[in-house]
């Protein structure tokens, strides 16, 4: 092994600014401690498309609703109500409020009898195939009492303005006619009853006169008949007085004091009001739906989200690499050293070197689930570390779905699995690559028992041996939530670098992975936000668009360096 990796040399001054993860995390939290307008508007900005769509849908529904509705016109007639059954001469002196119950009168206006009377007037002249029934008419009429006045306002609505005016007048006239008819019938009934009583009394007078005429003048029968005749005469005179008084009773129920007019405009629909309500409802619904969706969205939105769930500071944010991360294209630090992603990996290297300066040089790169880019981060981080004249061994500890050998263009015929099973010595399993100071140990053929091999004493010895020869040992481990392999390796490393996909990783997955790592005593150094979309650097707190030219030490390669598009290993 030492023949392939030279003994440790004295560390060179790489000019990196050393800032502890705790100090950087503290600065981030201090800077984000006070929520500003951007913080409060974050959910609305993230869900702006959903909010806009909801507003447009509700507003469109209101638009269709208001213009699809039939126009409605209403007309009102005002009726002065007079008390009936009182002497016409006393109308100006009696208190009408005590004689009239407007609530009762309102019920009479909406009675079936009045509706039947109004139906004939309303249906006359209408071109409708079917005449309106009284029940249908009652659905179009409303009555209200004017405060502090003995008046009723009778309103009628219809889709035709002329019918509305006609209906209001018809119900007002029908009400007055109905009340007058009832009053006249009541007076006539009373007069008929009194007249009948008078006729009966006069017939009795005739019988009494006959008794008096046929009896002796001083007889008891004559005297008794004369006494009764006086009483009956007084009774008849009183009844005749009642007939006269009844004839003077008022049968006039009132009059229409304000005629109903043909309405000039429809009262419904009110397009402006409907559209304003639709807009407000759409905005309220959009905000509610947006907030609910944003609350239910488990994806990470900003630095604070990752730090809160992971319980560790964010070390760096890696921009989304155009062209994917599979194969050699994923080695952006080699393919395009001046790309924003390469600068982000150098920032990650700076932070981790601050930690490694305290003896934490064995790192394990993991993620919660597959596809989050932890292998790409491990590979590019190793290249970035090697560019500072630090010796680095990248170990592909993901023996179930290895990708390190593909990214570096290395054969996978022998590697970690062969070393752990004793098939090859370590110096033959660790391969030299064309970037100076970088050594790669592929995973080798997939064994039947990866977890047991990683937990073996041979694995502990290999990590210790490598750590004694180089400054950094980087382990690319499987995802935490899929297999137990990273939990086994956690005891062998100084720190864990946790990689998340900024576009898809959910908080629950991070929290569960953190819980499992904490159970085995793993030290999580921090998180790496990977695949950050171009529009997202401000949300995640980093922006690497301002590029510096690549320094000489970051481009140092071996004399046998080949074009980045066709990397090849040297087997030593």
Protein backbone atom coordinates (compact mmCIF):
# COMPACT_ATOMS: atom_id res chain seq x y z
CA UNK A 1 0.00 0.00 0.00
CA UNK A 2 2.77 2.43 0.90
CA UNK A 3 4.38 1.75 -2.45
CA UNK A 4 1.27 3.20 -4.09
CA UNK A 5 0.54 6.01 -1.64
CA UNK A 6 3.56 8.02 -0.45
CA UNK A 7 3.94 8.73 3.27
CA UNK A 8 2.21 11.78 4.60
CA UNK A 9 3.88 14.95 3.52
CA UNK A 10 3.87 18.20 5.36
CA UNK A 11 0.61 20.01 4.74
CA UNK A 12 0.90 22.87 2.33
CA UNK A 13 -0.60 26.29 2.94
CA UNK A 14 -3.66 26.08 0.72
CA UNK A 15 -4.95 29.56 1.59
CA UNK A 16 -8.35 28.20 2.60
CA UNK A 17 -10.29 30.28 5.10
CA UNK A 18 -11.00 28.02 8.09
CA UNK A 19 -14.38 28.54 9.63
CA UNK A 20 -15.92 25.92 11.83
CA UNK A 21 -19.26 24.39 10.91
CA UNK A 22 -20.65 25.61 14.20
CA UNK A 23 -19.56 29.20 13.49
CA UNK A 24 -21.01 29.13 9.99
CA UNK A 25 -24.23 27.56 11.18
CA UNK A 26 -24.47 30.16 13.93
CA UNK A 27 -24.02 32.96 11.42
CA UNK A 28 -26.68 31.47 9.18
CA UNK A 29 -29.12 31.18 12.05
CA UNK A 30 -28.32 34.66 13.27
CA UNK A 31 -28.83 36.08 9.79
CA UNK A 32 -32.13 34.25 9.45
CA UNK A 33 -33.33 34.77 12.99
CA UNK A 34 -35.71 37.57 12.10
CA UNK A 35 -38.35 36.71 9.55
CA UNK A 36 -38.60 39.44 6.94
CA UNK A 37 -41.19 40.10 4.26
CA UNK A 38 -39.58 37.53 1.98
CA UNK A 39 -39.95 34.90 4.71
CA UNK A 40 -43.65 35.65 5.18
CA UNK A 41 -44.34 35.84 1.46
CA UNK A 42 -42.42 32.62 0.78
CA UNK A 43 -45.47 30.28 0.78
CA UNK A 44 -47.38 32.61 -1.53
CA UNK A 45 -44.47 32.93 -3.94
CA UNK A 46 -43.95 29.16 -4.02
CA UNK A 47 -47.62 28.46 -4.61
CA UNK A 48 -48.27 31.46 -6.83
CA UNK A 49 -49.22 29.32 -9.81
CA UNK A 50 -51.77 27.32 -7.82
CA UNK A 51 -53.15 30.53 -6.29
CA UNK A 52 -53.41 32.17 -9.71
CA UNK A 53 -55.13 29.13 -11.23
CA UNK A 54 -57.60 28.98 -8.33
CA UNK A 55 -58.37 32.69 -8.66
CA UNK A 56 -58.92 32.34 -12.40
CA UNK A 57 -61.15 29.28 -12.00
CA UNK A 58 -63.36 30.89 -9.36
CA UNK A 59 -63.46 34.22 -11.21
CA UNK A 60 -64.32 32.39 -14.43
CA UNK A 61 -67.14 30.54 -12.65
CA UNK A 62 -68.44 33.87 -11.33
CA UNK A 63 -68.20 35.33 -14.83
CA UNK A 64 -70.20 32.48 -16.31
CA UNK A 65 -72.67 32.57 -13.44
CA UNK A 66 -73.40 36.29 -13.62
CA UNK A 67 -73.79 36.48 -17.40
CA UNK A 68 -75.73 33.22 -17.68
CA UNK A 69 -78.38 34.36 -15.23
CA UNK A 70 -81.65 35.78 -16.51
CA UNK A 71 -82.15 39.48 -15.87
CA UNK A 72 -84.69 40.19 -13.15
CA UNK A 73 -86.79 43.37 -12.95
CA UNK A 74 -88.82 44.49 -9.98
CA UNK A 75 -91.56 47.11 -9.61
CA UNK A 76 -93.23 48.38 -6.45
CA UNK A 77 -96.65 49.88 -5.72
CA UNK A 78 -97.32 51.70 -2.44
CA UNK A 79 -100.74 51.15 -0.83
CA UNK A 80 -102.27 53.33 1.92
CA UNK A 81 -104.20 51.01 4.25
CA UNK A 82 -107.42 52.30 5.90
CA UNK A 83 -109.36 50.59 8.69
CA UNK A 84 -112.70 49.10 7.64
CA UNK A 85 -115.72 48.52 9.87
CA UNK A 86 -115.58 51.98 11.50
CA UNK A 87 -117.83 54.96 10.96
CA UNK A 88 -116.69 56.97 8.00
CA UNK A 89 -117.22 60.17 9.90
CA UNK A 90 -114.76 59.13 12.59
CA UNK A 91 -111.89 58.09 10.30
CA UNK A 92 -110.03 61.30 10.96
CA UNK A 93 -110.33 61.05 14.73
CA UNK A 94 -109.60 57.38 15.49
CA UNK A 95 -106.08 55.97 15.96
CA UNK A 96 -105.59 53.85 12.84
CA UNK A 97 -102.57 52.07 14.31
CA UNK A 98 -104.86 50.48 16.91
CA UNK A 99 -107.34 49.36 14.30
CA UNK A 100 -104.90 47.99 11.67
CA UNK A 101 -102.41 45.17 12.07
CA UNK A 102 -99.97 45.57 9.17
CA UNK A 103 -98.52 42.10 9.68
CA UNK A 104 -101.99 40.69 9.08
CA UNK A 105 -102.46 42.89 6.05
CA UNK A 106 -99.15 41.68 4.61
CA UNK A 107 -100.31 38.09 4.95
CA UNK A 108 -103.56 38.99 3.18
CA UNK A 109 -101.63 40.47 0.23
CA UNK A 110 -99.82 37.13 -0.15
CA UNK A 111 -102.98 35.07 0.31
CA UNK A 112 -104.31 32.68 -2.29
CA UNK A 113 -107.52 34.68 -2.66
CA UNK A 114 -105.59 37.82 -3.62
CA UNK A 115 -103.29 35.82 -5.92
CA UNK A 116 -106.30 34.35 -7.72
CA UNK A 117 -107.73 37.81 -8.19
CA UNK A 118 -104.37 39.13 -9.48
CA UNK A 119 -103.79 36.16 -11.79
CA UNK A 120 -106.57 37.10 -14.16
CA UNK A 121 -105.21 40.62 -14.51
CA UNK A 122 -101.57 39.56 -14.95
CA UNK A 123 -102.25 36.76 -17.41
CA UNK A 124 -104.43 38.98 -19.57
CA UNK A 125 -102.48 39.96 -22.63
CA UNK A 126 -99.45 37.75 -21.90
CA UNK A 127 -98.11 35.72 -24.81
CA UNK A 128 -97.06 32.80 -22.63
CA UNK A 129 -98.32 29.39 -23.64
CA UNK A 130 -99.24 28.50 -20.08
CA UNK A 131 -100.79 31.16 -17.80
CA UNK A 132 -99.16 31.72 -14.43
CA UNK A 133 -100.93 30.00 -11.57
CA UNK A 134 -101.59 31.76 -8.26
CA UNK A 135 -98.93 29.59 -6.60
CA UNK A 136 -96.39 30.66 -9.22
CA UNK A 137 -97.33 34.30 -8.84
CA UNK A 138 -96.88 34.18 -5.08
CA UNK A 139 -93.23 33.23 -5.64
CA UNK A 140 -92.73 36.54 -7.46
CA UNK A 141 -94.37 38.87 -4.95
CA UNK A 142 -93.04 40.41 -1.75
CA UNK A 143 -94.65 42.78 0.74
CA UNK A 144 -93.10 45.08 3.30
CA UNK A 145 -94.50 47.62 5.74
CA UNK A 146 -93.18 51.16 5.75
CA UNK A 147 -92.03 52.09 9.29
CA UNK A 148 -94.17 54.70 11.09
CA UNK A 149 -96.74 54.74 8.31
CA UNK A 150 -99.91 52.83 7.49
CA UNK A 151 -98.61 51.85 4.07
CA UNK A 152 -97.57 48.66 2.36
CA UNK A 153 -95.06 48.30 -0.45
CA UNK A 154 -96.12 45.55 -2.83
CA UNK A 155 -93.29 44.41 -5.12
CA UNK A 156 -93.35 42.02 -8.01
CA UNK A 157 -90.36 40.70 -9.97
CA UNK A 158 -90.15 39.10 -13.38
CA UNK A 159 -87.75 38.68 -16.27
CA UNK A 160 -89.95 41.10 -18.21
CA UNK A 161 -90.02 44.69 -16.97
CA UNK A 162 -93.60 45.29 -18.11
CA UNK A 163 -94.82 42.14 -16.40
CA UNK A 164 -93.09 43.25 -13.19
CA UNK A 165 -94.96 46.58 -13.26
CA UNK A 166 -98.21 44.87 -14.17
CA UNK A 167 -97.81 42.30 -11.41
CA UNK A 168 -97.19 44.89 -8.69
CA UNK A 169 -100.28 46.89 -9.67
CA UNK A 170 -102.35 43.71 -10.03
CA UNK A 171 -101.53 42.53 -6.50
CA UNK A 172 -102.12 45.98 -5.04
CA UNK A 173 -105.48 46.34 -6.75
CA UNK A 174 -106.44 42.75 -5.95
CA UNK A 175 -105.66 43.31 -2.29
CA UNK A 176 -107.80 46.46 -2.14
CA UNK A 177 -110.61 44.81 -4.04
CA UNK A 178 -110.49 41.76 -1.79
CA UNK A 179 -110.57 43.87 1.35
CA UNK A 180 -113.39 46.07 0.03
CA UNK A 181 -115.43 43.05 -0.97
CA UNK A 182 -115.03 41.52 2.45
CA UNK A 183 -115.92 44.79 4.16
CA UNK A 184 -119.01 45.27 2.01
CA UNK A 185 -120.05 41.67 2.58
CA UNK A 186 -119.66 42.14 6.30
CA UNK A 187 -121.81 45.29 6.27
CA UNK A 188 -124.42 43.63 4.08
CA UNK A 189 -124.50 40.59 6.33
CA UNK A 190 -124.98 42.77 9.40
CA UNK A 191 -127.75 44.77 7.72
CA UNK A 192 -129.45 41.57 6.56
CA UNK A 193 -129.31 40.20 10.09
CA UNK A 194 -130.75 43.41 11.54
CA UNK A 195 -133.44 43.56 8.84
CA UNK A 196 -134.49 40.02 9.64
CA UNK A 197 -134.74 40.95 13.30
CA UNK A 198 -136.87 44.01 12.38
CA UNK A 199 -139.19 41.85 10.28
CA UNK A 200 -139.58 39.40 13.12
CA UNK A 201 -140.33 42.22 15.55
CA UNK A 202 -142.94 43.76 13.21
CA UNK A 203 -144.67 40.42 12.81
CA UNK A 204 -144.92 40.22 16.55
CA UNK A 205 -146.35 43.76 16.57
CA UNK A 206 -149.06 42.61 14.21
CA UNK A 207 -149.95 39.76 16.52
CA UNK A 208 -150.01 42.08 19.53
CA UNK A 209 -152.22 44.58 17.64
CA UNK A 210 -154.62 41.75 16.80
CA UNK A 211 -154.83 40.75 20.45
CA UNK A 212 -155.52 44.31 21.48
CA UNK A 213 -158.23 44.71 18.84
CA UNK A 214 -159.99 41.50 19.77
CA UNK A 215 -159.87 42.02 23.53
CA UNK A 216 -161.89 44.26 25.79
CA UNK A 217 -160.06 47.53 26.32
CA UNK A 218 -159.55 47.08 30.04
CA UNK A 219 -158.97 43.40 29.99
CA UNK A 220 -155.75 41.92 31.27
CA UNK A 221 -154.94 40.53 27.84
CA UNK A 222 -155.29 43.97 26.25
CA UNK A 223 -153.19 45.63 28.92
CA UNK A 224 -150.44 42.99 28.60
CA UNK A 225 -150.47 43.23 24.80
CA UNK A 226 -150.19 47.03 24.92
CA UNK A 227 -147.17 46.74 27.28
CA UNK A 228 -145.37 44.28 25.02
CA UNK A 229 -146.19 46.37 21.94
CA UNK A 230 -144.35 49.33 23.48
CA UNK A 231 -141.25 47.23 24.11
CA UNK A 232 -141.31 45.78 20.60
CA UNK A 233 -141.72 49.23 19.05
CA UNK A 234 -138.68 50.47 21.01
CA UNK A 235 -136.75 47.42 19.85
CA UNK A 236 -137.71 48.02 16.21
CA UNK A 237 -136.69 51.65 16.43
CA UNK A 238 -133.29 50.59 17.87
CA UNK A 239 -132.82 48.06 15.07
CA UNK A 240 -133.65 50.65 12.45
CA UNK A 241 -131.03 52.90 14.06
CA UNK A 242 -128.50 50.07 13.79
CA UNK A 243 -129.29 49.68 10.13
CA UNK A 244 -128.56 53.32 9.60
CA UNK A 245 -125.30 53.12 11.61
CA UNK A 246 -124.16 50.00 9.82
CA UNK A 247 -124.76 51.65 6.50
CA UNK A 248 -122.33 54.38 7.57
CA UNK A 249 -119.44 51.92 8.25
CA UNK A 250 -116.33 52.38 6.10
CA UNK A 251 -115.82 49.72 3.44
CA UNK A 252 -112.94 51.47 1.71
CA UNK A 253 -109.69 49.52 2.57
CA UNK A 254 -107.39 52.16 1.16
CA UNK A 255 -105.83 53.23 -2.09
CA UNK A 256 -102.71 53.00 -4.20
CA UNK A 257 -100.83 56.21 -3.46
CA UNK A 258 -97.77 55.40 -5.61
CA UNK A 259 -98.32 53.51 -8.82
CA UNK A 260 -95.83 50.85 -9.88
CA UNK A 261 -93.56 52.00 -12.68
CA UNK A 262 -91.91 50.04 -15.47
CA UNK A 263 -88.36 49.47 -14.14
CA UNK A 264 -85.58 50.96 -16.21
CA UNK A 265 -82.89 48.55 -15.09
CA UNK A 266 -82.59 45.02 -13.78
CA UNK A 267 -81.90 44.46 -10.10
CA UNK A 268 -80.27 41.13 -10.82
CA UNK A 269 -77.75 40.04 -11.82
CA UNK A 270 -75.39 42.76 -10.66
CA UNK A 271 -72.41 41.95 -12.87
CA UNK A 272 -69.99 44.24 -11.09
CA UNK A 273 -70.91 42.97 -7.63
CA UNK A 274 -70.83 39.32 -8.75
CA UNK A 275 -67.41 39.71 -10.35
CA UNK A 276 -65.96 41.50 -7.33
CA UNK A 277 -67.29 38.77 -5.04
CA UNK A 278 -65.95 36.11 -7.40
CA UNK A 279 -62.53 37.74 -7.41
CA UNK A 280 -62.44 38.00 -3.62
CA UNK A 281 -63.66 34.44 -3.18
CA UNK A 282 -61.12 33.21 -5.70
CA UNK A 283 -58.33 35.05 -3.95
CA UNK A 284 -59.40 33.69 -0.56
CA UNK A 285 -59.75 30.16 -1.93
CA UNK A 286 -56.40 30.42 -3.73
CA UNK A 287 -54.61 31.59 -0.60
CA UNK A 288 -56.24 28.87 1.50
CA UNK A 289 -55.43 26.12 -1.01
CA UNK A 290 -51.90 27.45 -1.47
CA UNK A 291 -51.22 27.56 2.27
CA UNK A 292 -52.62 24.06 2.78
CA UNK A 293 -50.56 22.69 -0.08
CA UNK A 294 -47.45 24.49 1.12
CA UNK A 295 -47.99 23.18 4.65
CA UNK A 296 -48.46 19.64 3.38
CA UNK A 297 -45.45 19.89 1.07
CA UNK A 298 -42.63 17.97 2.73
CA UNK A 299 -39.92 19.27 0.42
CA UNK A 300 -37.16 21.52 1.65
CA UNK A 301 -37.51 25.19 0.84
CA UNK A 302 -34.58 26.96 2.43
CA UNK A 303 -31.47 26.49 4.51
CA UNK A 304 -33.36 26.68 7.78
CA UNK A 305 -35.58 23.76 6.74
CA UNK A 306 -32.62 21.41 6.29
CA UNK A 307 -30.81 22.59 9.40
CA UNK A 308 -33.95 22.24 11.51
CA UNK A 309 -34.75 18.69 10.40
CA UNK A 310 -31.16 17.46 10.20
CA UNK A 311 -30.05 19.11 13.44
CA UNK A 312 -26.82 20.22 11.76
CA UNK A 313 -25.76 23.19 9.62
CA UNK A 314 -25.86 23.17 5.85
CA UNK A 315 -22.35 22.86 4.47
CA UNK A 316 -23.01 23.85 0.86
CA UNK A 317 -25.60 23.98 -1.86
CA UNK A 318 -24.75 22.37 -5.19
CA UNK A 319 -26.46 23.82 -8.28
CA UNK A 320 -28.27 21.49 -10.63
CA UNK A 321 -25.77 20.25 -13.23
CA UNK A 322 -27.05 20.49 -16.78
CA UNK A 323 -26.59 17.20 -18.60
CA UNK A 324 -27.16 14.95 -15.60
CA UNK A 325 -24.87 13.30 -13.10
CA UNK A 326 -24.44 9.86 -14.57
CA UNK A 327 -21.04 8.58 -15.60
CA UNK A 328 -18.11 10.93 -16.31
CA UNK A 329 -20.58 13.82 -16.82
CA UNK A 330 -21.14 13.82 -13.09
CA UNK A 331 -17.49 14.81 -12.44
CA UNK A 332 -18.17 18.49 -13.04
CA UNK A 333 -15.05 19.46 -11.09
CA UNK A 334 -12.98 17.73 -13.80
CA UNK A 335 -15.17 18.36 -16.81
CA UNK A 336 -15.84 22.06 -16.14
CA UNK A 337 -13.77 23.43 -13.23
CA UNK A 338 -15.20 26.94 -13.69
CA UNK A 339 -18.85 25.89 -13.52
CA UNK A 340 -21.00 27.14 -10.60
CA UNK A 341 -21.28 23.55 -9.37
CA UNK A 342 -17.48 23.23 -9.25
CA UNK A 343 -17.27 26.40 -7.19
CA UNK A 344 -19.92 24.97 -4.87
CA UNK A 345 -17.85 21.82 -4.35
CA UNK A 346 -14.84 23.97 -3.51
CA UNK A 347 -16.96 25.77 -0.93
CA UNK A 348 -17.95 22.40 0.52
CA UNK A 349 -14.28 21.39 0.58
CA UNK A 350 -13.38 24.58 2.47
CA UNK A 351 -15.91 23.90 5.20
CA UNK A 352 -14.96 20.25 5.56
CA UNK A 353 -11.26 21.05 5.66
CA UNK A 354 -11.98 23.26 8.65
CA UNK A 355 -13.44 20.20 10.34
CA UNK A 356 -10.66 17.93 9.10
CA UNK A 357 -8.12 20.29 10.60
CA UNK A 358 -9.19 18.92 13.97
CA UNK A 359 -8.44 15.34 12.97
CA UNK A 360 -11.73 14.48 11.29
CA UNK A 361 -10.40 13.15 8.01
CA UNK A 362 -12.54 10.05 7.53
CA UNK A 363 -15.84 11.07 6.00
CA UNK A 364 -18.92 9.10 4.99
CA UNK A 365 -21.25 10.60 2.39
CA UNK A 366 -24.84 9.33 2.65
CA UNK A 367 -28.40 10.22 1.72
CA UNK A 368 -31.80 9.18 2.99
CA UNK A 369 -32.97 7.54 -0.25
CA UNK A 370 -31.48 6.58 -3.62
CA UNK A 371 -31.21 9.12 -6.41
CA UNK A 372 -30.33 12.15 -4.29
CA UNK A 373 -26.79 12.47 -5.68
CA UNK A 374 -24.65 11.32 -2.73
CA UNK A 375 -22.26 9.40 -5.05
CA UNK A 376 -21.78 12.47 -7.25
CA UNK A 377 -21.13 14.62 -4.19
CA UNK A 378 -18.62 12.12 -2.80
CA UNK A 379 -16.75 11.92 -6.13
CA UNK A 380 -16.56 15.67 -6.77
CA UNK A 381 -15.71 16.39 -3.14
CA UNK A 382 -12.78 13.96 -3.41
CA UNK A 383 -11.54 15.69 -6.58
CA UNK A 384 -11.83 19.08 -4.90
CA UNK A 385 -9.91 17.86 -1.82
CA UNK A 386 -7.17 16.32 -3.95
CA UNK A 387 -6.72 19.62 -5.81
CA UNK A 388 -5.34 21.16 -2.59
CA UNK A 389 -2.36 18.78 -2.44
CA UNK A 390 -4.19 16.64 0.11
CA UNK A 391 -4.03 12.91 -0.44
CA UNK A 392 -7.52 11.44 -0.78
CA UNK A 393 -8.81 7.89 -1.06
CA UNK A 394 -12.37 7.55 -2.32
CA UNK A 395 -13.87 4.21 -1.28
CA UNK A 396 -16.99 2.88 -3.00
CA UNK A 397 -18.66 1.35 0.07
CA UNK A 398 -21.99 0.99 -1.75
CA UNK A 399 -21.50 -2.59 -2.87
CA UNK A 400 -25.15 -3.11 -3.75
CA UNK A 401 -25.55 -0.42 -6.41
CA UNK A 402 -22.01 0.86 -7.04
CA UNK A 403 -21.50 3.86 -9.35
CA UNK A 404 -18.06 5.21 -8.40
CA UNK A 405 -16.26 3.06 -10.96
CA UNK A 406 -18.62 4.30 -13.71
CA UNK A 407 -18.02 7.94 -12.87
CA UNK A 408 -14.25 7.53 -12.93
CA UNK A 409 -14.21 5.12 -15.86
CA UNK A 410 -12.58 2.38 -13.79
CA UNK A 411 -12.98 -1.39 -14.04
CA UNK A 412 -14.88 -3.00 -11.20
CA UNK A 413 -13.33 -6.43 -11.44
CA UNK A 414 -11.58 -5.99 -8.12
CA UNK A 415 -12.09 -3.59 -5.29
CA UNK A 416 -13.41 -3.32 -1.75
CA UNK A 417 -15.27 -6.64 -1.72
CA UNK A 418 -12.11 -8.47 -2.86
CA UNK A 419 -10.01 -6.76 -0.19
CA UNK A 420 -12.49 -7.58 2.59
CA UNK A 421 -12.72 -11.24 1.53
CA UNK A 422 -8.93 -11.51 1.35
CA UNK A 423 -8.83 -12.19 -2.37
CA UNK A 424 -6.50 -9.27 -3.13
CA UNK A 425 -4.28 -7.07 -0.96
CA UNK A 426 -5.29 -3.48 -0.34
CA UNK A 427 -2.64 -2.03 -2.61
CA UNK A 428 -4.17 -3.86 -5.59
CA UNK A 429 -7.74 -2.85 -4.75
CA UNK A 430 -6.97 0.87 -4.49
CA UNK A 431 -6.45 2.27 -7.96
CA UNK A 432 -4.50 5.31 -9.04
CA UNK A 433 -6.39 7.89 -11.08
CA UNK A 434 -5.25 10.70 -13.31
CA UNK A 435 -5.94 13.53 -10.83
CA UNK A 436 -2.90 13.97 -8.64
CA UNK A 437 -3.32 12.89 -4.99
CA UNK A 438 -6.60 11.08 -5.72
CA UNK A 439 -6.95 7.32 -5.30
CA UNK A 440 -10.12 5.32 -5.91
CA UNK A 441 -11.16 2.01 -4.40
CA UNK A 442 -14.07 0.59 -6.46
CA UNK A 443 -16.65 -1.61 -4.79
CA UNK A 444 -15.64 -4.77 -6.63
CA UNK A 445 -18.06 -7.58 -7.44
CA UNK A 446 -21.24 -7.51 -5.39
CA UNK A 447 -20.90 -9.97 -2.48
CA UNK A 448 -23.81 -11.93 -0.97
CA UNK A 449 -23.27 -10.34 2.45
CA UNK A 450 -22.29 -6.65 2.09
CA UNK A 451 -23.38 -5.62 5.60
CA UNK A 452 -21.35 -8.39 7.25
CA UNK A 453 -18.23 -7.50 5.25
CA UNK A 454 -18.53 -3.82 6.13
CA UNK A 455 -18.91 -4.73 9.79
CA UNK A 456 -15.88 -7.02 9.78
CA UNK A 457 -12.57 -6.35 11.51
CA UNK A 458 -10.91 -6.30 8.10
CA UNK A 459 -12.97 -3.22 7.17
CA UNK A 460 -11.90 -1.48 10.38
CA UNK A 461 -8.28 -2.31 9.65
CA UNK A 462 -8.56 -1.08 6.06
CA UNK A 463 -10.03 2.29 7.09
CA UNK A 464 -7.37 2.70 9.77
CA UNK A 465 -4.63 1.80 7.31
CA UNK A 466 -5.87 4.24 4.71
CA UNK A 467 -6.30 6.96 7.30
CA UNK A 468 -2.68 6.50 8.30
CA UNK A 469 -1.49 7.07 4.75
CA UNK A 470 -3.66 9.95 3.52
CA UNK A 471 -5.30 13.07 4.88
CA UNK A 472 -8.82 12.16 3.79
CA UNK A 473 -10.73 8.93 3.38
CA UNK A 474 -14.14 9.46 1.75
CA UNK A 475 -16.66 6.61 1.88
CA UNK A 476 -19.55 6.56 -0.57
CA UNK A 477 -22.16 4.66 1.47
CA UNK A 478 -25.63 3.34 0.51
CA UNK A 479 -28.75 5.34 1.45
CA UNK A 480 -29.63 5.22 5.14
CA UNK A 481 -33.29 4.24 4.75
CA UNK A 482 -32.73 1.36 2.32
CA UNK A 483 -30.09 -0.83 3.97
CA UNK A 484 -28.18 -1.05 7.25
CA UNK A 485 -24.73 -0.67 5.62
CA UNK A 486 -24.23 3.06 6.45
CA UNK A 487 -25.19 2.42 10.08
CA UNK A 488 -22.42 -0.17 10.25
CA UNK A 489 -19.89 2.22 8.69
CA UNK A 490 -20.86 5.11 10.98
CA UNK A 491 -18.63 3.74 13.75
CA UNK A 492 -15.59 3.77 11.45
CA UNK A 493 -15.70 7.42 10.31
CA UNK A 494 -15.06 10.75 11.96
CA UNK A 495 -18.10 12.43 10.48
CA UNK A 496 -21.07 12.04 8.17
CA UNK A 497 -21.95 14.33 5.27
CA UNK A 498 -25.69 14.11 4.57
CA UNK A 499 -26.82 14.80 0.97
CA UNK A 500 -30.38 15.81 0.09
CA UNK A 501 -32.07 16.52 -3.22
CA UNK A 502 -33.36 20.10 -3.10
CA UNK A 503 -36.19 19.20 -5.48
CA UNK A 504 -37.58 16.01 -3.99
CA UNK A 505 -36.21 15.05 -0.57
CA UNK A 506 -38.93 15.24 2.07
CA UNK A 507 -38.55 16.29 5.68
CA UNK A 508 -39.89 13.00 7.04
CA UNK A 509 -37.22 11.01 5.21
CA UNK A 510 -34.45 13.26 6.57
CA UNK A 511 -35.85 13.06 10.11
CA UNK A 512 -36.01 9.25 10.00
CA UNK A 513 -32.49 8.97 8.58
CA UNK A 514 -31.20 11.34 11.27
CA UNK A 515 -32.90 9.23 13.96
CA UNK A 516 -31.23 6.05 12.71
CA UNK A 517 -27.80 7.69 12.53
CA UNK A 518 -28.19 9.08 16.04
CA UNK A 519 -29.06 5.60 17.33
CA UNK A 520 -25.62 4.30 16.27
CA UNK A 521 -23.81 7.40 17.55
CA UNK A 522 -22.95 8.85 14.13
CA UNK A 523 -21.64 12.42 14.06
CA UNK A 524 -23.48 14.34 11.35
CA UNK A 525 -21.20 17.19 10.31
CA UNK A 526 -23.83 18.87 8.15
CA UNK A 527 -25.99 18.68 5.08
CA UNK A 528 -25.39 19.29 1.40
CA UNK A 529 -28.29 20.64 -0.62
CA UNK A 530 -27.81 18.98 -4.01
CA UNK A 531 -29.44 19.69 -7.38
CA UNK A 532 -30.55 23.18 -6.43
CA UNK A 533 -32.63 24.62 -9.32
CA UNK A 534 -31.29 27.76 -11.05
CA UNK A 535 -34.06 29.89 -9.49
CA UNK A 536 -33.34 28.65 -6.01
CA UNK A 537 -29.95 29.95 -4.77
CA UNK A 538 -31.49 32.80 -2.80
CA UNK A 539 -33.85 30.45 -1.01
CA UNK A 540 -31.04 28.09 -0.11
CA UNK A 541 -28.65 30.82 0.84
CA UNK A 542 -25.93 30.34 -1.78
CA UNK A 543 -25.14 31.71 -5.19
CA UNK A 544 -22.07 30.62 -7.13
CA UNK A 545 -22.77 32.46 -10.34
CA UNK A 546 -19.87 34.84 -9.80
CA UNK A 547 -17.06 32.65 -11.15
CA UNK A 548 -13.32 32.95 -10.58
CA UNK A 549 -10.79 31.49 -12.92
CA UNK A 550 -9.57 28.08 -11.89
CA UNK A 551 -6.35 28.24 -9.88
CA UNK A 552 -3.34 26.23 -10.89
CA UNK A 553 -3.41 23.89 -7.91
CA UNK A 554 -7.06 22.99 -8.66
CA UNK A 555 -6.12 21.81 -12.14
CA UNK A 556 -3.05 19.82 -11.19
CA UNK A 557 -3.17 16.42 -12.81
CA UNK A 558 -0.73 13.68 -13.56
CA UNK A 559 1.55 13.85 -16.54
CA UNK A 560 -0.50 11.12 -18.17
CA UNK A 561 -3.68 13.22 -18.04
CA UNK A 562 -6.13 12.55 -20.85
CA UNK A 563 -9.15 14.55 -22.05
CA UNK A 564 -11.89 14.78 -19.45
CA UNK A 565 -14.40 13.18 -21.76
CA UNK A 566 -12.42 9.89 -21.85
CA UNK A 567 -10.99 9.24 -18.37
CA UNK A 568 -9.09 6.01 -17.87
CA UNK A 569 -7.45 4.35 -14.85
CA UNK A 570 -3.86 3.30 -14.41
CA UNK A 571 -3.56 -0.05 -12.84
CA UNK A 572 -0.14 0.60 -11.31
